Amino acid sequence: MKFRHYKGGIYELVCEATMESDHTPLIVYKAANGTIWCRPRSVFFEIIEVDGQRVQRFAPLQDEET
């Protein structure tokens, strides 16, 4: 599944993982240039405030948007 970051980048969710040290759920995702990133699941899916509006940090894209 693909997501749009609030700053505009498109990322593909690769998998969910678990941090071995404290069992934090992580999201592993890939940028268009092939770099792999991870964030805590709670941060990936959180609602943030941008220019006074509440938005998803990563919003899911519909198939026609990719």
N, C-alpha and C. Protein backbone atom coordinates (compact mmCIF):
# COMPACT_ATOMS: atom_id res chain seq x y z
N MET A 1 0.85 -1.17 0.00
CA MET A 1 0.00 0.00 0.00
C MET A 1 0.89 1.23 0.00
N LYS A 2 0.47 2.27 -0.72
CA LYS A 2 1.25 3.50 -0.81
C LYS A 2 0.60 4.61 0.01
N PHE A 3 1.47 5.50 0.49
CA PHE A 3 1.05 6.61 1.33
C PHE A 3 1.73 7.89 0.86
N ARG A 4 1.04 9.02 1.03
CA ARG A 4 1.62 10.34 0.75
C ARG A 4 1.96 11.00 2.08
N HIS A 5 3.24 11.37 2.25
CA HIS A 5 3.67 12.10 3.43
C HIS A 5 3.10 13.50 3.35
N TYR A 6 2.83 14.13 4.46
CA TYR A 6 2.21 15.45 4.45
C TYR A 6 3.05 16.49 3.71
N LYS A 7 4.35 16.23 3.53
CA LYS A 7 5.20 17.15 2.76
C LYS A 7 5.20 16.81 1.28
N GLY A 8 4.51 15.72 0.88
CA GLY A 8 4.32 15.43 -0.53
C GLY A 8 4.94 14.15 -1.06
N GLY A 9 5.92 13.59 -0.40
CA GLY A 9 6.57 12.38 -0.90
C GLY A 9 5.64 11.18 -0.88
N ILE A 10 5.90 10.25 -1.82
CA ILE A 10 5.12 9.01 -1.90
C ILE A 10 5.99 7.87 -1.37
N TYR A 11 5.41 7.06 -0.49
CA TYR A 11 6.13 5.96 0.14
C TYR A 11 5.30 4.70 0.10
N GLU A 12 5.98 3.57 -0.02
CA GLU A 12 5.31 2.27 -0.02
C GLU A 12 5.56 1.57 1.31
N LEU A 13 4.49 1.16 1.96
CA LEU A 13 4.62 0.41 3.20
C LEU A 13 5.16 -0.98 2.85
N VAL A 14 6.31 -1.33 3.41
CA VAL A 14 6.95 -2.61 3.13
C VAL A 14 6.43 -3.69 4.08
N CYS A 15 6.45 -3.39 5.38
CA CYS A 15 5.98 -4.37 6.36
C CYS A 15 5.90 -3.71 7.73
N GLU A 16 5.31 -4.43 8.66
CA GLU A 16 5.37 -4.02 10.06
C GLU A 16 6.42 -4.89 10.72
N ALA A 17 7.14 -4.31 11.68
CA ALA A 17 8.21 -5.01 12.38
C ALA A 17 8.10 -4.70 13.86
N THR A 18 8.98 -5.32 14.65
CA THR A 18 9.01 -5.10 16.09
C THR A 18 10.43 -4.76 16.51
N MET A 19 10.60 -3.66 17.24
CA MET A 19 11.91 -3.29 17.77
C MET A 19 12.28 -4.32 18.83
N GLU A 20 13.43 -4.95 18.65
CA GLU A 20 13.79 -6.05 19.55
C GLU A 20 14.03 -5.61 20.98
N SER A 21 14.52 -4.40 21.18
CA SER A 21 14.88 -3.96 22.53
C SER A 21 13.69 -3.70 23.44
N ASP A 22 12.59 -3.17 22.86
CA ASP A 22 11.45 -2.83 23.73
C ASP A 22 10.09 -3.24 23.14
N HIS A 23 10.13 -3.97 22.04
CA HIS A 23 8.92 -4.50 21.39
C HIS A 23 7.99 -3.43 20.82
N THR A 24 8.54 -2.25 20.53
CA THR A 24 7.76 -1.19 19.88
C THR A 24 7.38 -1.63 18.47
N PRO A 25 6.09 -1.53 18.11
CA PRO A 25 5.70 -1.83 16.73
C PRO A 25 6.27 -0.75 15.80
N LEU A 26 6.85 -1.18 14.68
CA LEU A 26 7.45 -0.27 13.70
C LEU A 26 6.79 -0.46 12.35
N ILE A 27 6.82 0.60 11.55
CA ILE A 27 6.44 0.54 10.15
C ILE A 27 7.71 0.69 9.34
N VAL A 28 7.93 -0.24 8.42
CA VAL A 28 9.07 -0.17 7.50
C VAL A 28 8.50 0.27 6.16
N TYR A 29 9.08 1.34 5.59
CA TYR A 29 8.55 1.88 4.34
C TYR A 29 9.67 2.30 3.41
N LYS A 30 9.34 2.37 2.12
CA LYS A 30 10.33 2.62 1.08
C LYS A 30 9.98 3.88 0.30
N ALA A 31 10.98 4.73 0.11
CA ALA A 31 10.82 5.95 -0.67
C ALA A 31 10.93 5.63 -2.17
N ALA A 32 10.52 6.57 -3.00
CA ALA A 32 10.59 6.40 -4.45
C ALA A 32 12.02 6.16 -4.93
N ASN A 33 13.01 6.70 -4.23
CA ASN A 33 14.41 6.51 -4.64
C ASN A 33 15.01 5.20 -4.13
N GLY A 34 14.20 4.39 -3.45
CA GLY A 34 14.64 3.08 -2.99
C GLY A 34 15.16 3.02 -1.57
N THR A 35 15.31 4.17 -0.91
CA THR A 35 15.78 4.13 0.47
C THR A 35 14.70 3.55 1.38
N ILE A 36 15.14 2.82 2.38
CA ILE A 36 14.24 2.17 3.33
C ILE A 36 14.28 2.93 4.65
N TRP A 37 13.10 3.16 5.22
CA TRP A 37 12.98 3.91 6.46
C TRP A 37 12.10 3.12 7.42
N CYS A 38 12.16 3.49 8.70
CA CYS A 38 11.21 2.93 9.67
C CYS A 38 10.89 3.99 10.72
N ARG A 39 9.69 3.89 11.25
CA ARG A 39 9.21 4.76 12.32
C ARG A 39 8.35 3.93 13.24
N PRO A 40 8.21 4.36 14.46
CA PRO A 40 7.21 3.70 15.31
C PRO A 40 5.84 3.80 14.65
N ARG A 41 5.06 2.73 14.77
CA ARG A 41 3.73 2.70 14.15
C ARG A 41 2.89 3.88 14.61
N SER A 42 2.97 4.22 15.89
CA SER A 42 2.17 5.33 16.44
C SER A 42 2.53 6.66 15.79
N VAL A 43 3.79 6.86 15.40
CA VAL A 43 4.22 8.09 14.74
C VAL A 43 3.80 8.08 13.27
N PHE A 44 3.97 6.95 12.59
CA PHE A 44 3.60 6.85 11.17
C PHE A 44 2.13 7.21 10.97
N PHE A 45 1.27 6.72 11.84
CA PHE A 45 -0.18 6.92 11.66
C PHE A 45 -0.75 8.09 12.46
N GLU A 46 0.09 8.90 13.09
CA GLU A 46 -0.45 9.96 13.93
C GLU A 46 -1.01 11.13 13.12
N ILE A 47 -1.87 11.88 13.79
CA ILE A 47 -2.43 13.12 13.24
C ILE A 47 -1.56 14.26 13.77
N ILE A 48 -1.13 15.13 12.87
CA ILE A 48 -0.27 16.25 13.24
C ILE A 48 -0.93 17.55 12.81
N GLU A 49 -0.43 18.66 13.31
CA GLU A 49 -0.96 19.96 12.92
C GLU A 49 0.02 20.63 11.96
N VAL A 50 -0.51 21.03 10.80
CA VAL A 50 0.29 21.69 9.77
C VAL A 50 -0.48 22.93 9.33
N ASP A 51 0.12 24.10 9.50
CA ASP A 51 -0.52 25.37 9.13
C ASP A 51 -1.92 25.49 9.72
N GLY A 52 -2.06 25.08 10.98
CA GLY A 52 -3.33 25.22 11.68
C GLY A 52 -4.35 24.14 11.36
N GLN A 53 -4.02 23.17 10.52
CA GLN A 53 -4.95 22.10 10.19
C GLN A 53 -4.40 20.77 10.66
N ARG A 54 -5.30 19.89 11.09
CA ARG A 54 -4.91 18.56 11.53
C ARG A 54 -4.91 17.63 10.31
N VAL A 55 -3.79 16.98 10.06
CA VAL A 55 -3.64 16.08 8.91
C VAL A 55 -2.93 14.81 9.35
N GLN A 56 -3.08 13.76 8.57
CA GLN A 56 -2.34 12.54 8.81
C GLN A 56 -0.89 12.74 8.36
N ARG A 57 0.06 12.26 9.16
CA ARG A 57 1.47 12.35 8.75
C ARG A 57 1.65 11.61 7.41
N PHE A 58 1.09 10.41 7.30
CA PHE A 58 1.10 9.62 6.07
C PHE A 58 -0.34 9.27 5.75
N ALA A 59 -0.85 9.76 4.63
CA ALA A 59 -2.22 9.48 4.23
C ALA A 59 -2.23 8.39 3.17
N PRO A 60 -3.10 7.38 3.31
CA PRO A 60 -3.16 6.33 2.30
C PRO A 60 -3.61 6.87 0.95
N LEU A 61 -3.02 6.34 -0.11
CA LEU A 61 -3.40 6.74 -1.47
C LEU A 61 -4.34 5.71 -2.07
N GLN A 62 -5.24 6.20 -2.89
CA GLN A 62 -6.09 5.31 -3.67
C GLN A 62 -5.29 4.81 -4.86
N ASP A 63 -5.64 3.69 -5.45
CA ASP A 63 -4.89 3.09 -6.56
C ASP A 63 -4.68 4.06 -7.72
N GLU A 64 -5.66 4.90 -8.02
CA GLU A 64 -5.54 5.81 -9.15
C GLU A 64 -4.59 6.98 -8.87
N GLU A 65 -4.22 7.20 -7.61
CA GLU A 65 -3.30 8.29 -7.25
C GLU A 65 -1.84 7.89 -7.38
N THR A 66 -1.54 6.63 -7.55
CA THR A 66 -0.15 6.17 -7.59
C THR A 66 0.38 6.05 -8.98
